Amino acid sequence: MPSTLEQKVIFDADLIRRYDQAGPRYTSYPTAPHFHSDFGETQLIQALQDSNTQAKPLSLYFHIPFCENLCFYCACTKVVTRHHEWGSPYVARLGTEMVLYLNHLDANRPVEQLHFGGGTPTFLRQQDLRTLLESIHRHFRLLADDQGEYGIEIDPRALEPGTLSLLRDFGFNRISIGVQDLDTAVQKAVHREQSLALTAEVIAEARSLGFRSVSLDLIYGLPLQTPERFAATLDTVIALRPNRLSVFNYAHLPERFPAQKRILDADIPSPENKLRILAESIATLQEAGYVYIGMDHFALPEDELTLAQREGTLYRNFQGYSTHAGSDLLAFGMSAIAMVGPTYSQNIKDLDVWGERLDQGHLPVERGVQLRTEDILRRHVINRLTCDFRLDYTQLQQQYGIDFHTHFRDCLPALERLERDGLIQMDSDNLQVTPQGRLLIRHVCMIFDAYLPHKAVRYSRVI
């Protein structure tokens, strides 16, 4: 079978039309809808204490939920406000949450990965941001000399002069910028107006300061988009030469996300135009030298994600693709999700209730799950598929003591159908996702998801 890097993703419209069903994005397994309230603070504390014996490196995620403006397409957990003074008590409570974590955690474990997400992390005024950074530095063992993977999501419209310099001095070396689309009509339709000049200015400043990675996000399927308009956006973005580029499918679920009700159904591109936008975008990006990492993500050949995929060490978690598979993920802020040992836990989603729990001296866990042995096995299978596009049966035998064909015999009929349709190839040693099947990798993963048949959950479509 061909190796991963010998393949390029191939757009097969007929296959996509047949298999474009709804399904999870597999940032975790089990996925978040299967978390439950029986897992709370007590279980997280036990997981933290148990994790000290393993002494894995740490990954820290801080959720900053505030946004000045409401983007109509957004499905993130957020608080829309112009009250920047709300940042100060939020940062103070993040400090409290760190202290509560460290009551049960060995603080000498190195922090290999740090990520600020949102919302809009740069909503915080510089003094509040500085207070948060100093608190992190005081409580955790950060890596020196730019050794860590420290990233932050940037909204160029909410970026004070000097903020990038402050972040770089602290040790941040990666930025992610939401662009979505550069067409002014599309921007107005989704209530996110952001000029090319502003975006380019932020990228130039970041590079001049020594940030080693710039990632840009685009969304296809937004109102008023056409193949021609999106192609113009993509050409302009490629000229900026981001290290990484994500091209996400807009999932229109107004019954779940009320802000999306402001998007007119009549303005959304037809399924045929969405497929054309995707097909032409993939061809353009591959021609420009970008490597398809998977799940909407592209990267330059020399990028760390590309190198990790080549070496078989790529990983996928709640922040997307990562090069740090062996870390315990600690999560701070409302709605943030942690992964400590064989557990997931999610914080309370309501800002006031989250704060009240912290003020009472409790870790603000709302729900979570303790993984079973079978969950850990299937998580590994799904992670390797989403990262490598292949499964090595011998490696599964060595690591988990199972024979693939025996253990997953219930999955074999579905896998054989995928093989007949050209999504995968199987032999006695491997399962390999074909170039045609890569865009449908979520569907391949769904074959191994033991939870899907037992709970009705509304997911976005695969493509």
Protein backbone atom coordinates (compact mmCIF):
# COMPACT_ATOMS: atom_id res chain seq x y z
CA MET A 1 0.00 0.00 0.00
CA PRO A 2 1.20 3.57 -0.66
CA SER A 3 2.51 5.54 2.29
CA THR A 4 0.59 8.51 3.66
CA LEU A 5 2.84 11.13 2.07
CA GLU A 6 2.69 9.49 -1.36
CA GLN A 7 -1.03 10.18 -1.46
CA LYS A 8 -2.87 13.37 -2.16
CA VAL A 9 -6.50 13.81 -1.31
CA ILE A 10 -8.73 13.17 -4.33
CA PHE A 11 -12.15 14.80 -4.59
CA ASP A 12 -14.69 12.20 -5.73
CA ALA A 13 -18.03 13.96 -6.01
CA ASP A 14 -20.07 10.77 -6.36
CA LEU A 15 -18.56 9.22 -3.24
CA ILE A 16 -19.07 12.42 -1.28
CA ARG A 17 -22.73 12.66 -2.27
CA ARG A 18 -23.27 9.06 -1.16
CA TYR A 19 -21.42 9.30 2.14
CA ASP A 20 -21.93 12.91 3.22
CA GLN A 21 -23.87 12.10 6.37
CA ALA A 22 -23.85 13.77 9.77
CA GLY A 23 -21.17 12.64 12.20
CA PRO A 24 -18.77 13.67 15.00
CA ARG A 25 -15.53 15.57 14.42
CA TYR A 26 -13.75 13.27 16.90
CA THR A 27 -11.81 15.80 18.91
CA SER A 28 -12.41 13.19 21.61
CA TYR A 29 -13.74 9.67 21.96
CA PRO A 30 -16.23 9.24 23.49
CA THR A 31 -17.47 12.54 22.09
CA ALA A 32 -18.79 15.35 24.31
CA PRO A 33 -22.51 14.42 23.98
CA HIS A 34 -21.69 11.25 25.91
CA PHE A 35 -20.26 13.05 28.93
CA HIS A 36 -22.54 12.78 31.99
CA SER A 37 -23.18 14.51 35.31
CA ASP A 38 -22.10 11.47 37.37
CA PHE A 39 -18.54 12.59 36.68
CA GLY A 40 -17.81 15.69 38.78
CA GLU A 41 -15.24 17.41 40.95
CA THR A 42 -14.49 14.32 43.08
CA GLN A 43 -13.68 12.24 40.00
CA LEU A 44 -11.49 14.97 38.50
CA ILE A 45 -9.53 15.31 41.75
CA GLN A 46 -8.92 11.56 41.77
CA ALA A 47 -7.77 11.70 38.14
CA LEU A 48 -5.38 14.56 38.94
CA GLN A 49 -3.88 12.69 41.87
CA ASP A 50 -3.52 9.51 39.81
CA SER A 51 -1.86 11.47 37.01
CA ASN A 52 0.99 12.51 39.29
CA THR A 53 2.27 8.94 39.38
CA GLN A 54 2.54 8.96 35.57
CA ALA A 55 4.23 12.41 35.62
CA LYS A 56 3.26 13.20 32.04
CA PRO A 57 3.97 16.67 30.67
CA LEU A 58 1.12 19.16 30.84
CA SER A 59 -0.95 20.93 28.23
CA LEU A 60 -2.91 23.99 29.42
CA TYR A 61 -6.04 25.39 27.79
CA PHE A 62 -7.60 28.70 28.84
CA HIS A 63 -11.05 29.58 27.52
CA ILE A 64 -11.65 33.34 27.23
CA PRO A 65 -15.34 33.53 26.31
CA PHE A 66 -15.84 37.24 25.63
CA CYS A 67 -16.50 38.75 22.19
CA GLU A 68 -17.32 42.36 21.33
CA ASN A 69 -19.48 41.34 18.38
CA LEU A 70 -21.65 38.37 17.49
CA CYS A 71 -20.60 36.46 14.37
CA PHE A 72 -23.81 34.92 13.07
CA TYR A 73 -22.20 31.61 12.03
CA CYS A 74 -20.47 30.99 15.37
CA ALA A 75 -21.19 27.84 17.39
CA CYS A 76 -18.62 28.50 20.16
CA THR A 77 -19.45 29.00 23.85
CA LYS A 78 -19.17 32.77 24.23
CA VAL A 79 -20.37 35.90 26.03
CA VAL A 80 -21.01 38.85 23.74
CA THR A 81 -20.31 42.13 25.52
CA ARG A 82 -18.50 45.45 25.17
CA HIS A 83 -17.74 45.50 28.90
CA HIS A 84 -14.00 44.92 28.86
CA GLU A 85 -13.95 45.43 32.61
CA TRP A 86 -15.54 41.98 32.90
CA GLY A 87 -12.11 40.59 32.07
CA SER A 88 -10.62 41.47 35.46
CA PRO A 89 -12.85 39.29 37.68
CA TYR A 90 -12.70 36.52 35.07
CA VAL A 91 -8.89 36.53 35.16
CA ALA A 92 -8.95 36.54 38.97
CA ARG A 93 -11.14 33.45 38.93
CA LEU A 94 -8.84 31.74 36.45
CA GLY A 95 -6.12 32.29 39.06
CA THR A 96 -8.34 30.68 41.67
CA GLU A 97 -8.99 27.73 39.37
CA MET A 98 -5.25 27.21 38.86
CA VAL A 99 -4.70 27.14 42.63
CA LEU A 100 -7.50 24.60 43.08
CA TYR A 101 -5.94 22.38 40.40
CA LEU A 102 -2.53 22.60 42.02
CA ASN A 103 -3.91 21.44 45.37
CA HIS A 104 -3.94 18.00 43.73
CA LEU A 105 -1.29 18.25 41.01
CA ASP A 106 2.50 18.12 40.85
CA ALA A 107 3.42 21.62 39.63
CA ASN A 108 6.90 20.52 38.56
CA ARG A 109 5.58 18.77 35.47
CA PRO A 110 6.66 20.74 32.37
CA VAL A 111 4.08 22.59 30.27
CA GLU A 112 4.74 21.50 26.70
CA GLN A 113 1.61 23.05 25.23
CA LEU A 114 -0.40 26.17 26.06
CA HIS A 115 -3.41 27.48 24.18
CA PHE A 116 -5.74 30.45 24.65
CA GLY A 117 -9.08 30.00 22.88
CA GLY A 118 -12.47 31.59 22.91
CA GLY A 119 -14.44 33.65 22.36
CA THR A 120 -11.80 36.24 21.77
CA PRO A 121 -8.69 35.89 23.97
CA THR A 122 -7.47 39.33 22.90
CA PHE A 123 -10.69 40.80 24.31
CA LEU A 124 -8.73 41.03 27.57
CA ARG A 125 -7.15 44.42 28.18
CA GLN A 126 -3.38 44.32 28.36
CA GLN A 127 -3.24 44.67 32.14
CA ASP A 128 -5.66 41.77 32.58
CA LEU A 129 -3.74 39.73 30.02
CA ARG A 130 -0.47 40.50 31.79
CA THR A 131 -2.00 39.47 35.13
CA LEU A 132 -3.13 36.15 33.64
CA LEU A 133 0.25 35.47 32.05
CA GLU A 134 2.09 36.24 35.29
CA SER A 135 -0.27 33.94 37.18
CA ILE A 136 0.39 31.08 34.75
CA HIS A 137 4.13 31.66 35.03
CA ARG A 138 3.90 31.68 38.83
CA HIS A 139 1.92 28.46 39.10
CA PHE A 140 3.35 26.27 36.33
CA ARG A 141 6.71 25.22 34.98
CA LEU A 142 6.87 26.70 31.50
CA LEU A 143 9.55 25.74 28.99
CA ALA A 144 12.29 28.22 28.16
CA ASP A 145 13.96 29.06 24.85
CA ASP A 146 10.83 28.67 22.74
CA GLN A 147 10.69 24.92 23.32
CA GLY A 148 6.95 24.80 24.03
CA GLU A 149 4.04 24.94 21.61
CA TYR A 150 2.30 28.05 22.93
CA GLY A 151 -0.53 29.43 20.80
CA ILE A 152 -3.37 31.92 20.95
CA GLU A 153 -6.40 32.74 18.80
CA ILE A 154 -6.26 36.32 17.54
CA ASP A 155 -9.06 38.58 16.34
CA PRO A 156 -7.30 41.43 14.48
CA ARG A 157 -10.28 43.70 15.21
CA ALA A 158 -9.72 43.29 18.97
CA LEU A 159 -5.96 43.63 19.22
CA GLU A 160 -4.44 46.51 21.15
CA PRO A 161 -1.05 47.87 20.03
CA GLY A 162 1.68 46.08 21.94
CA THR A 163 -0.35 42.94 22.72
CA LEU A 164 1.50 40.72 20.25
CA SER A 165 4.81 41.89 21.69
CA LEU A 166 3.58 41.11 25.22
CA LEU A 167 2.55 37.61 24.15
CA ARG A 168 5.82 36.96 22.36
CA ASP A 169 7.85 38.10 25.35
CA PHE A 170 5.93 35.63 27.51
CA GLY A 171 6.76 32.76 25.18
CA PHE A 172 3.84 32.49 22.76
CA ASN A 173 5.11 31.40 19.37
CA ARG A 174 1.94 30.60 17.41
CA ILE A 175 -1.10 32.58 16.42
CA SER A 176 -4.36 31.51 14.82
CA ILE A 177 -6.47 34.12 13.03
CA GLY A 178 -10.09 33.74 12.01
CA VAL A 179 -10.58 35.12 8.50
CA GLN A 180 -13.59 33.07 7.29
CA ASP A 181 -13.96 35.05 4.02
CA LEU A 182 -12.52 38.26 2.57
CA ASP A 183 -15.52 39.10 0.39
CA THR A 184 -17.20 42.20 1.83
CA ALA A 185 -20.73 41.03 1.00
CA VAL A 186 -20.17 37.71 2.76
CA GLN A 187 -18.60 39.48 5.74
CA LYS A 188 -21.64 41.73 6.12
CA ALA A 189 -24.00 38.76 5.84
CA VAL A 190 -22.31 37.01 8.78
CA HIS A 191 -21.65 40.20 10.79
CA ARG A 192 -17.87 39.88 10.73
CA GLU A 193 -16.20 42.69 8.79
CA GLN A 194 -12.43 42.37 8.78
CA SER A 195 -10.25 43.90 6.09
CA LEU A 196 -7.42 42.17 4.29
CA ALA A 197 -5.13 45.05 5.25
CA LEU A 198 -5.81 44.54 8.94
CA THR A 199 -5.23 40.79 8.74
CA ALA A 200 -2.03 41.21 6.74
CA GLU A 201 -0.77 43.81 9.20
CA VAL A 202 -1.19 41.43 12.15
CA ILE A 203 0.57 38.61 10.28
CA ALA A 204 3.47 40.87 9.35
CA GLU A 205 3.84 42.07 12.94
CA ALA A 206 3.72 38.51 14.29
CA ARG A 207 6.43 37.39 11.90
CA SER A 208 8.60 40.39 12.70
CA LEU A 209 8.34 39.49 16.40
CA GLY A 210 9.48 35.93 15.76
CA PHE A 211 6.22 33.96 15.99
CA ARG A 212 7.11 30.76 14.21
CA SER A 213 3.66 29.73 13.03
CA VAL A 214 0.65 31.57 11.62
CA SER A 215 -2.59 29.67 11.07
CA LEU A 216 -5.63 31.08 9.25
CA ASP A 217 -9.23 29.81 9.32
CA LEU A 218 -11.65 29.96 6.40
CA ILE A 219 -15.25 28.73 6.24
CA TYR A 220 -17.03 27.54 3.09
CA GLY A 221 -20.80 27.41 2.80
CA LEU A 222 -21.41 30.88 4.27
CA PRO A 223 -24.23 33.06 2.89
CA LEU A 224 -23.64 34.77 -0.48
CA GLN A 225 -20.52 32.74 -1.19
CA THR A 226 -19.94 31.59 -4.74
CA PRO A 227 -17.13 29.42 -6.11
CA GLU A 228 -15.64 32.47 -7.83
CA ARG A 229 -15.75 34.69 -4.74
CA PHE A 230 -14.26 32.03 -2.48
CA ALA A 231 -11.53 31.30 -5.02
CA ALA A 232 -10.55 34.97 -4.88
CA THR A 233 -10.39 34.82 -1.08
CA LEU A 234 -8.28 31.67 -1.19
CA ASP A 235 -5.82 33.11 -3.71
CA THR A 236 -5.35 36.18 -1.51
CA VAL A 237 -4.90 34.07 1.62
CA ILE A 238 -2.35 31.79 -0.05
CA ALA A 239 -0.35 34.88 -1.00
CA LEU A 240 -0.01 35.57 2.75
CA ARG A 241 1.61 32.11 3.01
CA PRO A 242 0.24 30.96 6.37
CA ASN A 243 2.01 27.95 7.85
CA ARG A 244 -1.33 26.26 8.43
CA LEU A 245 -4.74 26.77 6.91
CA SER A 246 -8.12 25.38 7.92
CA VAL A 247 -11.06 25.29 5.53
CA PHE A 248 -14.13 24.43 7.57
CA ASN A 249 -17.61 23.51 6.42
CA TYR A 250 -20.28 25.86 7.77
CA ALA A 251 -22.81 23.75 9.67
CA HIS A 252 -26.17 25.55 9.57
CA LEU A 253 -27.98 24.42 12.75
CA PRO A 254 -30.15 27.39 13.76
CA GLU A 255 -32.24 25.24 16.11
CA ARG A 256 -29.08 24.67 18.19
CA PHE A 257 -27.35 28.04 17.68
CA PRO A 258 -29.85 30.91 17.75
CA ALA A 259 -27.47 33.43 16.17
CA GLN A 260 -27.61 31.40 12.97
CA LYS A 261 -31.28 32.30 12.61
CA ARG A 262 -30.05 35.67 11.32
CA ILE A 263 -28.62 33.91 8.28
CA LEU A 264 -31.19 33.57 5.53
CA ASP A 265 -31.62 30.08 4.14
CA ALA A 266 -31.96 31.54 0.65
CA ASP A 267 -28.47 33.05 0.91
CA ILE A 268 -26.70 29.79 1.71
CA PRO A 269 -24.89 28.22 -1.27
CA SER A 270 -26.52 25.19 -2.83
CA PRO A 271 -25.05 21.76 -2.04
CA GLU A 272 -23.62 21.67 -5.56
CA ASN A 273 -21.86 25.00 -5.12
CA LYS A 274 -20.53 23.98 -1.71
CA LEU A 275 -19.01 20.86 -3.24
CA ARG A 276 -17.53 22.89 -6.07
CA ILE A 277 -16.00 25.36 -3.59
CA LEU A 278 -14.47 22.49 -1.65
CA ALA A 279 -13.16 20.67 -4.73
CA GLU A 280 -11.57 23.79 -6.21
CA SER A 281 -10.11 24.82 -2.84
CA ILE A 282 -8.42 21.45 -2.36
CA ALA A 283 -6.95 21.55 -5.86
CA THR A 284 -5.72 25.13 -5.37
CA LEU A 285 -4.11 24.42 -2.00
CA GLN A 286 -2.36 21.26 -3.17
CA GLU A 287 -1.09 23.08 -6.25
CA ALA A 288 0.25 25.81 -3.93
CA GLY A 289 2.24 23.17 -2.03
CA TYR A 290 0.05 22.63 1.02
CA VAL A 291 -0.28 19.12 2.48
CA TYR A 292 -3.71 17.84 3.48
CA ILE A 293 -3.31 16.88 7.14
CA GLY A 294 -6.93 15.82 7.54
CA MET A 295 -10.25 17.07 8.94
CA ASP A 296 -10.19 20.37 6.97
CA HIS A 297 -6.54 21.15 7.88
CA PHE A 298 -3.67 21.94 5.52
CA ALA A 299 -0.04 22.72 6.33
CA LEU A 300 3.18 23.57 4.55
CA PRO A 301 5.54 20.61 3.92
CA GLU A 302 8.03 21.84 6.52
CA ASP A 303 5.39 22.49 9.20
CA GLU A 304 5.59 20.52 12.46
CA LEU A 305 2.18 18.95 11.82
CA THR A 306 3.33 17.64 8.45
CA LEU A 307 6.55 16.30 9.94
CA ALA A 308 4.66 14.66 12.82
CA GLN A 309 2.27 12.99 10.38
CA ARG A 310 5.25 11.68 8.40
CA GLU A 311 6.77 10.25 11.59
CA GLY A 312 3.49 8.77 12.87
CA THR A 313 3.40 10.99 15.97
CA LEU A 314 0.54 13.32 15.04
CA TYR A 315 -2.30 13.54 17.55
CA ARG A 316 -5.78 15.06 17.65
CA ASN A 317 -7.50 16.63 20.67
CA PHE A 318 -9.94 19.41 21.56
CA GLN A 319 -7.66 22.06 20.02
CA GLY A 320 -7.38 20.13 16.75
CA TYR A 321 -4.22 18.50 15.45
CA SER A 322 -1.24 18.53 17.79
CA THR A 323 2.31 17.22 18.12
CA HIS A 324 1.98 16.51 21.87
CA ALA A 325 0.20 13.21 22.34
CA GLY A 326 1.62 12.33 25.73
CA SER A 327 0.32 15.26 27.79
CA ASP A 328 -2.41 15.63 30.38
CA LEU A 329 -4.66 18.48 29.28
CA LEU A 330 -5.80 20.86 32.04
CA ALA A 331 -8.65 23.21 31.13
CA PHE A 332 -9.51 26.55 32.73
CA GLY A 333 -12.51 28.79 32.21
CA MET A 334 -16.21 28.31 31.61
CA SER A 335 -17.06 25.34 29.34
CA ALA A 336 -13.39 24.29 28.97
CA ILE A 337 -12.72 20.55 28.57
CA ALA A 338 -9.85 18.74 30.31
CA MET A 339 -8.34 15.36 29.52
CA VAL A 340 -6.49 13.92 32.54
CA GLY A 341 -5.44 10.29 32.35
CA PRO A 342 -8.34 8.14 31.11
CA THR A 343 -10.94 10.88 31.81
CA TYR A 344 -12.61 13.89 30.20
CA SER A 345 -14.25 16.64 32.22
CA GLN A 346 -16.06 19.79 31.13
CA ASN A 347 -16.53 22.94 33.16
CA ILE A 348 -19.85 24.63 33.80
CA LYS A 349 -21.01 26.59 30.73
CA ASP A 350 -22.80 29.40 32.56
CA LEU A 351 -20.42 32.27 33.39
CA ASP A 352 -22.03 33.22 36.70
CA VAL A 353 -22.46 29.65 37.96
CA TRP A 354 -18.88 28.81 36.95
CA GLY A 355 -17.67 31.79 38.98
CA GLU A 356 -19.82 30.98 42.00
CA ARG A 357 -18.44 27.44 42.16
CA LEU A 358 -14.89 28.77 42.17
CA ASP A 359 -15.73 31.37 44.81
CA GLN A 360 -16.97 28.49 46.97
CA GLY A 361 -13.62 26.72 46.59
CA HIS A 362 -14.71 24.01 44.17
CA LEU A 363 -13.42 22.93 40.78
CA PRO A 364 -16.33 23.90 38.50
CA VAL A 365 -16.88 20.55 36.79
CA GLU A 366 -20.30 20.08 35.20
CA ARG A 367 -19.91 16.68 33.55
CA GLY A 368 -17.37 14.22 32.21
CA VAL A 369 -16.60 10.57 31.61
CA GLN A 370 -14.24 7.86 32.87
CA LEU A 371 -12.99 5.89 29.89
CA ARG A 372 -13.25 2.13 29.91
CA THR A 373 -10.56 -0.13 28.45
CA GLU A 374 -12.63 -0.51 25.29
CA ASP A 375 -13.01 3.27 25.00
CA ILE A 376 -9.24 3.71 25.16
CA LEU A 377 -8.73 1.13 22.42
CA ARG A 378 -11.33 2.68 20.12
CA ARG A 379 -10.01 6.18 20.86
CA HIS A 380 -6.60 4.97 19.69
CA VAL A 381 -8.07 3.51 16.50
CA ILE A 382 -9.97 6.69 15.68
CA ASN A 383 -6.98 8.89 16.48
CA ARG A 384 -4.66 6.92 14.22
CA LEU A 385 -7.20 7.02 11.40
CA THR A 386 -7.67 10.79 11.66
CA CYS A 387 -3.90 11.39 11.91
CA ASP A 388 -2.28 8.66 9.78
CA PHE A 389 -5.13 7.54 7.50
CA ARG A 390 -4.13 3.96 8.29
CA LEU A 391 -4.20 1.27 10.95
CA ASP A 392 -1.38 -1.16 11.60
CA TYR A 393 -2.89 -4.39 12.95
CA THR A 394 0.45 -5.60 14.32
CA GLN A 395 0.86 -2.41 16.33
CA LEU A 396 -2.65 -2.89 17.78
CA GLN A 397 -1.74 -6.46 18.71
CA GLN A 398 1.45 -5.35 20.43
CA GLN A 399 -0.06 -2.38 22.28
CA TYR A 400 -3.51 -3.73 23.19
CA GLY A 401 -3.19 -7.50 22.85
CA ILE A 402 -6.06 -7.83 20.38
CA ASP A 403 -6.45 -9.44 16.99
CA PHE A 404 -8.03 -6.79 14.78
CA HIS A 405 -10.27 -9.10 12.76
CA THR A 406 -11.51 -10.92 15.85
CA HIS A 407 -12.02 -7.91 18.10
CA PHE A 408 -13.72 -5.78 15.46
CA ARG A 409 -15.58 -8.57 13.67
CA ASP A 410 -18.86 -6.67 14.07
CA CYS A 411 -17.31 -3.77 12.13
CA LEU A 412 -16.04 -5.89 9.24
CA PRO A 413 -19.21 -5.90 7.07
CA ALA A 414 -19.34 -2.09 7.14
CA LEU A 415 -15.60 -1.86 6.46
CA GLU A 416 -15.97 -4.25 3.52
CA ARG A 417 -18.66 -1.97 2.07
CA LEU A 418 -16.30 0.98 2.38
CA GLU A 419 -13.61 -1.06 0.63
CA ARG A 420 -15.94 -1.99 -2.23
CA ASP A 421 -16.78 1.69 -2.65
CA GLY A 422 -13.14 2.70 -2.71
CA LEU A 423 -12.83 4.58 0.60
CA ILE A 424 -10.35 2.14 2.16
CA GLN A 425 -8.08 -0.76 1.26
CA MET A 426 -7.53 -3.69 3.62
CA ASP A 427 -5.09 -6.56 3.67
CA SER A 428 -3.91 -8.96 6.37
CA ASP A 429 -1.71 -6.33 8.03
CA ASN A 430 -3.23 -2.88 7.47
CA LEU A 431 -6.25 -0.74 6.85
CA GLN A 432 -5.37 2.18 4.56
CA VAL A 433 -7.66 5.10 3.73
CA THR A 434 -7.50 5.85 0.00
CA PRO A 435 -6.96 9.33 -1.44
CA GLN A 436 -10.69 9.32 -2.30
CA GLY A 437 -11.60 8.33 1.24
CA ARG A 438 -9.59 10.97 3.08
CA LEU A 439 -12.29 13.64 2.88
CA LEU A 440 -14.70 11.08 4.35
CA ILE A 441 -12.43 10.04 7.22
CA ARG A 442 -15.11 10.96 9.75
CA HIS A 443 -17.35 8.34 8.16
CA VAL A 444 -14.59 5.72 8.39
CA CYS A 445 -14.14 6.55 12.09
CA MET A 446 -17.86 6.22 12.70
CA ILE A 447 -17.61 2.50 11.95
CA PHE A 448 -15.59 2.11 15.17
CA ASP A 449 -17.80 4.38 17.32
CA ALA A 450 -19.65 2.09 19.72
CA TYR A 451 -21.79 4.97 21.04
CA LEU A 452 -23.38 6.20 17.81
CA PRO A 453 -26.16 3.59 17.60
CA HIS A 454 -27.31 4.23 21.17
CA LYS A 455 -27.91 7.97 21.40
CA ALA A 456 -29.55 10.38 18.98
CA VAL A 457 -27.26 13.40 18.63
CA ARG A 458 -27.46 16.15 16.02
CA TYR A 459 -24.01 16.41 14.40
CA SER A 460 -22.83 18.49 11.47
CA ARG A 461 -22.45 16.84 8.07
CA VAL A 462 -19.16 15.18 7.19
CA ILE A 463 -18.55 17.51 4.22
